[in-house]
């Protein structure tokens, strides 16, 4: 049981790392798109749509991951696994 809790904690940690990466990438990408707006306006419609899609994708991924992480069921399951692992190993739980 302890190994399951440690695995769950490791998975949660890795998900959080990915979420932070996407969040840290999405903000500057939005700023770059805004700064490049005058130049992008001169491009053909299909190129503008492609650029807008590229910029929107990280933000959409970030929002979806954030909503998944905020779901009470996911969070409570992770906490239960972590507590069970800590109790089984004799460690103090958060």
N, C-alpha and C. Protein backbone atom coordinates (compact mmCIF):
# COMPACT_ATOMS: atom_id res chain seq x y z
N UNK A 1 0.83 -1.19 0.00
CA UNK A 1 0.00 0.00 0.00
C UNK A 1 0.87 1.25 0.00
N UNK A 2 1.98 1.17 0.72
CA UNK A 2 2.87 2.34 0.78
C UNK A 2 3.43 2.64 -0.59
N UNK A 3 3.78 1.61 -1.35
CA UNK A 3 4.33 1.85 -2.68
C UNK A 3 3.29 2.47 -3.60
N UNK A 4 2.03 2.11 -3.42
CA UNK A 4 0.97 2.73 -4.23
C UNK A 4 0.85 4.21 -3.91
N UNK A 5 0.91 4.53 -2.65
CA UNK A 5 0.83 5.94 -2.25
C UNK A 5 2.01 6.73 -2.75
N UNK A 6 3.19 6.13 -2.68
CA UNK A 6 4.38 6.81 -3.19
C UNK A 6 4.29 6.97 -4.70
N UNK A 7 3.76 5.98 -5.38
CA UNK A 7 3.56 6.08 -6.83
C UNK A 7 2.57 7.19 -7.16
N UNK A 8 1.48 7.24 -6.41
CA UNK A 8 0.47 8.28 -6.63
C UNK A 8 1.07 9.66 -6.40
N UNK A 9 1.88 9.80 -5.36
CA UNK A 9 2.52 11.09 -5.09
C UNK A 9 3.48 11.45 -6.20
N UNK A 10 4.20 10.46 -6.71
CA UNK A 10 5.13 10.71 -7.81
C UNK A 10 4.41 11.13 -9.07
N UNK A 11 3.29 10.47 -9.36
CA UNK A 11 2.50 10.83 -10.54
C UNK A 11 1.94 12.23 -10.39
N UNK A 12 1.41 12.55 -9.22
CA UNK A 12 0.88 13.90 -8.99
C UNK A 12 1.97 14.95 -9.15
N UNK A 13 3.15 14.64 -8.67
CA UNK A 13 4.28 15.57 -8.80
C UNK A 13 4.63 15.79 -10.27
N UNK A 14 4.67 14.72 -11.05
CA UNK A 14 5.00 14.84 -12.47
C UNK A 14 3.92 15.62 -13.23
N UNK A 15 2.67 15.39 -12.89
CA UNK A 15 1.58 16.15 -13.53
C UNK A 15 1.74 17.63 -13.21
N UNK A 16 2.05 17.94 -11.96
CA UNK A 16 2.22 19.34 -11.57
C UNK A 16 3.40 19.96 -12.31
N UNK A 17 4.49 19.20 -12.50
CA UNK A 17 5.63 19.71 -13.26
C UNK A 17 5.22 20.07 -14.68
N UNK A 18 4.44 19.19 -15.31
CA UNK A 18 4.00 19.44 -16.69
C UNK A 18 3.07 20.65 -16.75
N UNK A 19 2.20 20.74 -15.78
CA UNK A 19 1.28 21.88 -15.74
C UNK A 19 2.05 23.19 -15.59
N UNK A 20 3.05 23.21 -14.72
CA UNK A 20 3.86 24.42 -14.56
C UNK A 20 4.60 24.76 -15.84
N UNK A 21 5.10 23.75 -16.55
CA UNK A 21 5.80 24.00 -17.80
C UNK A 21 4.86 24.64 -18.81
N UNK A 22 3.66 24.07 -18.96
CA UNK A 22 2.70 24.60 -19.92
C UNK A 22 2.29 26.01 -19.53
N UNK A 23 2.02 26.24 -18.24
CA UNK A 23 1.64 27.58 -17.78
C UNK A 23 2.75 28.60 -18.04
N UNK A 24 3.99 28.20 -17.77
CA UNK A 24 5.11 29.11 -17.96
C UNK A 24 5.37 29.39 -19.44
N UNK A 25 4.99 28.49 -20.31
CA UNK A 25 5.18 28.67 -21.75
C UNK A 25 4.03 29.48 -22.36
N UNK A 26 2.81 29.29 -21.86
CA UNK A 26 1.63 29.92 -22.45
C UNK A 26 1.64 31.43 -22.29
N UNK A 27 2.04 31.94 -21.15
CA UNK A 27 2.04 33.38 -20.92
C UNK A 27 2.95 34.14 -21.88
N UNK A 28 4.23 33.78 -21.95
CA UNK A 28 5.12 34.47 -22.89
C UNK A 28 4.70 34.30 -24.35
N UNK A 29 4.11 33.16 -24.68
CA UNK A 29 3.65 32.95 -26.05
C UNK A 29 2.52 33.93 -26.38
N UNK A 30 1.60 34.15 -25.44
CA UNK A 30 0.54 35.15 -25.64
C UNK A 30 1.13 36.54 -25.82
N UNK A 31 2.11 36.87 -24.99
CA UNK A 31 2.75 38.19 -25.09
C UNK A 31 3.47 38.36 -26.43
N UNK A 32 4.14 37.31 -26.88
CA UNK A 32 4.83 37.37 -28.17
C UNK A 32 3.84 37.55 -29.30
N UNK A 33 2.70 36.87 -29.22
CA UNK A 33 1.67 37.00 -30.27
C UNK A 33 1.14 38.43 -30.30
N UNK A 34 0.92 39.03 -29.13
CA UNK A 34 0.44 40.40 -29.09
C UNK A 34 1.47 41.37 -29.66
N UNK A 35 2.74 41.14 -29.34
CA UNK A 35 3.80 42.01 -29.84
C UNK A 35 3.95 41.88 -31.35
N UNK A 36 3.68 40.69 -31.87
CA UNK A 36 3.83 40.44 -33.30
C UNK A 36 2.55 40.72 -34.08
N UNK A 37 1.51 41.21 -33.42
CA UNK A 37 0.21 41.42 -34.06
C UNK A 37 0.29 42.26 -35.34
N UNK A 38 1.04 43.37 -35.35
CA UNK A 38 1.09 44.14 -36.60
C UNK A 38 1.68 43.35 -37.77
N UNK A 39 2.70 42.57 -37.51
CA UNK A 39 3.31 41.77 -38.57
C UNK A 39 2.40 40.62 -38.98
N UNK A 40 1.74 40.01 -38.01
CA UNK A 40 0.84 38.89 -38.30
C UNK A 40 -0.35 39.37 -39.13
N UNK A 41 -0.78 40.59 -38.92
CA UNK A 41 -1.92 41.14 -39.66
C UNK A 41 -1.63 41.21 -41.16
N UNK A 42 -0.38 41.28 -41.52
CA UNK A 42 0.00 41.36 -42.94
C UNK A 42 0.04 39.99 -43.62
N UNK A 43 -0.06 38.92 -42.85
CA UNK A 43 0.01 37.57 -43.40
C UNK A 43 -1.32 37.14 -44.00
N UNK A 44 -1.27 36.08 -44.79
CA UNK A 44 -2.49 35.52 -45.38
C UNK A 44 -3.36 34.93 -44.27
N UNK A 45 -4.66 34.82 -44.56
CA UNK A 45 -5.62 34.33 -43.56
C UNK A 45 -5.26 32.96 -43.01
N UNK A 46 -4.86 32.03 -43.87
CA UNK A 46 -4.56 30.69 -43.39
C UNK A 46 -3.34 30.70 -42.46
N UNK A 47 -2.38 31.55 -42.71
CA UNK A 47 -1.21 31.64 -41.84
C UNK A 47 -1.58 32.26 -40.50
N UNK A 48 -2.45 33.27 -40.51
CA UNK A 48 -2.91 33.88 -39.25
C UNK A 48 -3.67 32.87 -38.41
N UNK A 49 -4.54 32.08 -39.04
CA UNK A 49 -5.29 31.06 -38.31
C UNK A 49 -4.35 30.03 -37.69
N UNK A 50 -3.33 29.65 -38.42
CA UNK A 50 -2.38 28.67 -37.90
C UNK A 50 -1.61 29.23 -36.70
N UNK A 51 -1.20 30.48 -36.79
CA UNK A 51 -0.49 31.12 -35.68
C UNK A 51 -1.41 31.22 -34.47
N UNK A 52 -2.65 31.62 -34.68
CA UNK A 52 -3.60 31.71 -33.56
C UNK A 52 -3.83 30.36 -32.91
N UNK A 53 -3.89 29.30 -33.72
CA UNK A 53 -4.08 27.95 -33.17
C UNK A 53 -2.86 27.53 -32.36
N UNK A 54 -1.67 27.83 -32.84
CA UNK A 54 -0.45 27.48 -32.12
C UNK A 54 -0.41 28.19 -30.77
N UNK A 55 -0.81 29.45 -30.75
CA UNK A 55 -0.80 30.22 -29.51
C UNK A 55 -1.89 29.75 -28.55
N UNK A 56 -3.04 29.35 -29.08
CA UNK A 56 -4.17 28.95 -28.23
C UNK A 56 -4.00 27.56 -27.62
N UNK A 57 -3.25 26.68 -28.26
CA UNK A 57 -3.13 25.30 -27.79
C UNK A 57 -2.55 25.18 -26.39
N UNK A 58 -1.40 25.80 -26.07
CA UNK A 58 -0.88 25.67 -24.70
C UNK A 58 -1.84 26.21 -23.65
N UNK A 59 -2.53 27.30 -23.96
CA UNK A 59 -3.48 27.87 -23.00
C UNK A 59 -4.63 26.90 -22.76
N UNK A 60 -5.14 26.26 -23.81
CA UNK A 60 -6.24 25.30 -23.66
C UNK A 60 -5.78 24.09 -22.85
N UNK A 61 -4.58 23.61 -23.11
CA UNK A 61 -4.04 22.47 -22.35
C UNK A 61 -3.91 22.86 -20.88
N UNK A 62 -3.39 24.04 -20.62
CA UNK A 62 -3.20 24.52 -19.26
C UNK A 62 -4.54 24.61 -18.52
N UNK A 63 -5.55 25.15 -19.17
CA UNK A 63 -6.86 25.26 -18.53
C UNK A 63 -7.46 23.89 -18.24
N UNK A 64 -7.30 22.95 -19.16
CA UNK A 64 -7.84 21.61 -18.94
C UNK A 64 -7.12 20.89 -17.80
N UNK A 65 -5.80 20.99 -17.78
CA UNK A 65 -5.05 20.35 -16.70
C UNK A 65 -5.39 20.98 -15.35
N UNK A 66 -5.55 22.31 -15.33
CA UNK A 66 -5.90 22.99 -14.08
C UNK A 66 -7.27 22.54 -13.59
N UNK A 67 -8.22 22.39 -14.50
CA UNK A 67 -9.56 21.97 -14.08
C UNK A 67 -9.53 20.52 -13.59
N UNK A 68 -8.71 19.68 -14.22
CA UNK A 68 -8.60 18.29 -13.76
C UNK A 68 -7.97 18.24 -12.38
N UNK A 69 -6.95 19.05 -12.15
CA UNK A 69 -6.28 19.05 -10.85
C UNK A 69 -7.17 19.60 -9.76
N UNK A 70 -8.11 20.46 -10.13
CA UNK A 70 -8.99 21.09 -9.14
C UNK A 70 -10.20 20.22 -8.80
N UNK A 71 -10.44 19.15 -9.56
CA UNK A 71 -11.58 18.29 -9.29
C UNK A 71 -11.42 17.64 -7.92
N UNK A 72 -12.45 17.71 -7.09
CA UNK A 72 -12.33 17.18 -5.74
C UNK A 72 -12.04 15.69 -5.71
N UNK A 73 -12.54 14.93 -6.65
CA UNK A 73 -12.32 13.49 -6.62
C UNK A 73 -10.84 13.15 -6.83
N UNK A 74 -10.20 13.81 -7.78
CA UNK A 74 -8.79 13.54 -8.05
C UNK A 74 -7.93 13.93 -6.86
N UNK A 75 -8.21 15.08 -6.31
CA UNK A 75 -7.43 15.55 -5.17
C UNK A 75 -7.64 14.69 -3.94
N UNK A 76 -8.88 14.29 -3.67
CA UNK A 76 -9.13 13.47 -2.48
C UNK A 76 -8.53 12.08 -2.64
N UNK A 77 -8.55 11.53 -3.85
CA UNK A 77 -7.93 10.22 -4.07
C UNK A 77 -6.44 10.29 -3.83
N UNK A 78 -5.81 11.34 -4.36
CA UNK A 78 -4.35 11.48 -4.17
C UNK A 78 -4.02 11.63 -2.69
N UNK A 79 -4.80 12.43 -1.98
CA UNK A 79 -4.55 12.62 -0.54
C UNK A 79 -4.73 11.32 0.23
N UNK A 80 -5.75 10.54 -0.11
CA UNK A 80 -5.97 9.26 0.57
C UNK A 80 -4.80 8.32 0.33
N UNK A 81 -4.30 8.28 -0.91
CA UNK A 81 -3.17 7.41 -1.23
C UNK A 81 -1.92 7.85 -0.48
N UNK A 82 -1.69 9.14 -0.42
CA UNK A 82 -0.52 9.66 0.27
C UNK A 82 -0.61 9.37 1.76
N UNK A 83 -1.78 9.58 2.35
CA UNK A 83 -1.95 9.30 3.77
C UNK A 83 -1.79 7.82 4.07
N UNK A 84 -2.33 6.98 3.20
CA UNK A 84 -2.20 5.53 3.41
C UNK A 84 -0.74 5.11 3.33
N UNK A 85 -0.01 5.68 2.37
CA UNK A 85 1.40 5.35 2.22
C UNK A 85 2.19 5.80 3.44
N UNK A 86 1.87 6.99 3.91
CA UNK A 86 2.59 7.52 5.09
C UNK A 86 2.28 6.69 6.33
N UNK A 87 1.03 6.28 6.48
CA UNK A 87 0.65 5.48 7.65
C UNK A 87 1.31 4.11 7.61
N UNK A 88 1.38 3.54 6.42
CA UNK A 88 1.98 2.21 6.28
C UNK A 88 3.49 2.23 6.53
N UNK A 89 4.11 3.33 6.18
CA UNK A 89 5.57 3.41 6.34
C UNK A 89 5.96 4.04 7.66
N UNK A 90 5.00 4.50 8.43
CA UNK A 90 5.30 5.12 9.72
C UNK A 90 5.66 6.59 9.62
N UNK A 91 5.53 7.17 8.42
CA UNK A 91 5.84 8.58 8.26
C UNK A 91 4.63 9.43 8.65
N UNK A 92 4.90 10.71 8.88
CA UNK A 92 3.80 11.63 9.16
C UNK A 92 3.19 12.05 7.84
N UNK A 93 1.86 12.15 7.82
CA UNK A 93 1.18 12.54 6.57
C UNK A 93 0.88 14.04 6.59
N UNK A 94 0.70 14.61 5.37
CA UNK A 94 0.40 16.05 5.29
C UNK A 94 -0.98 16.38 5.79
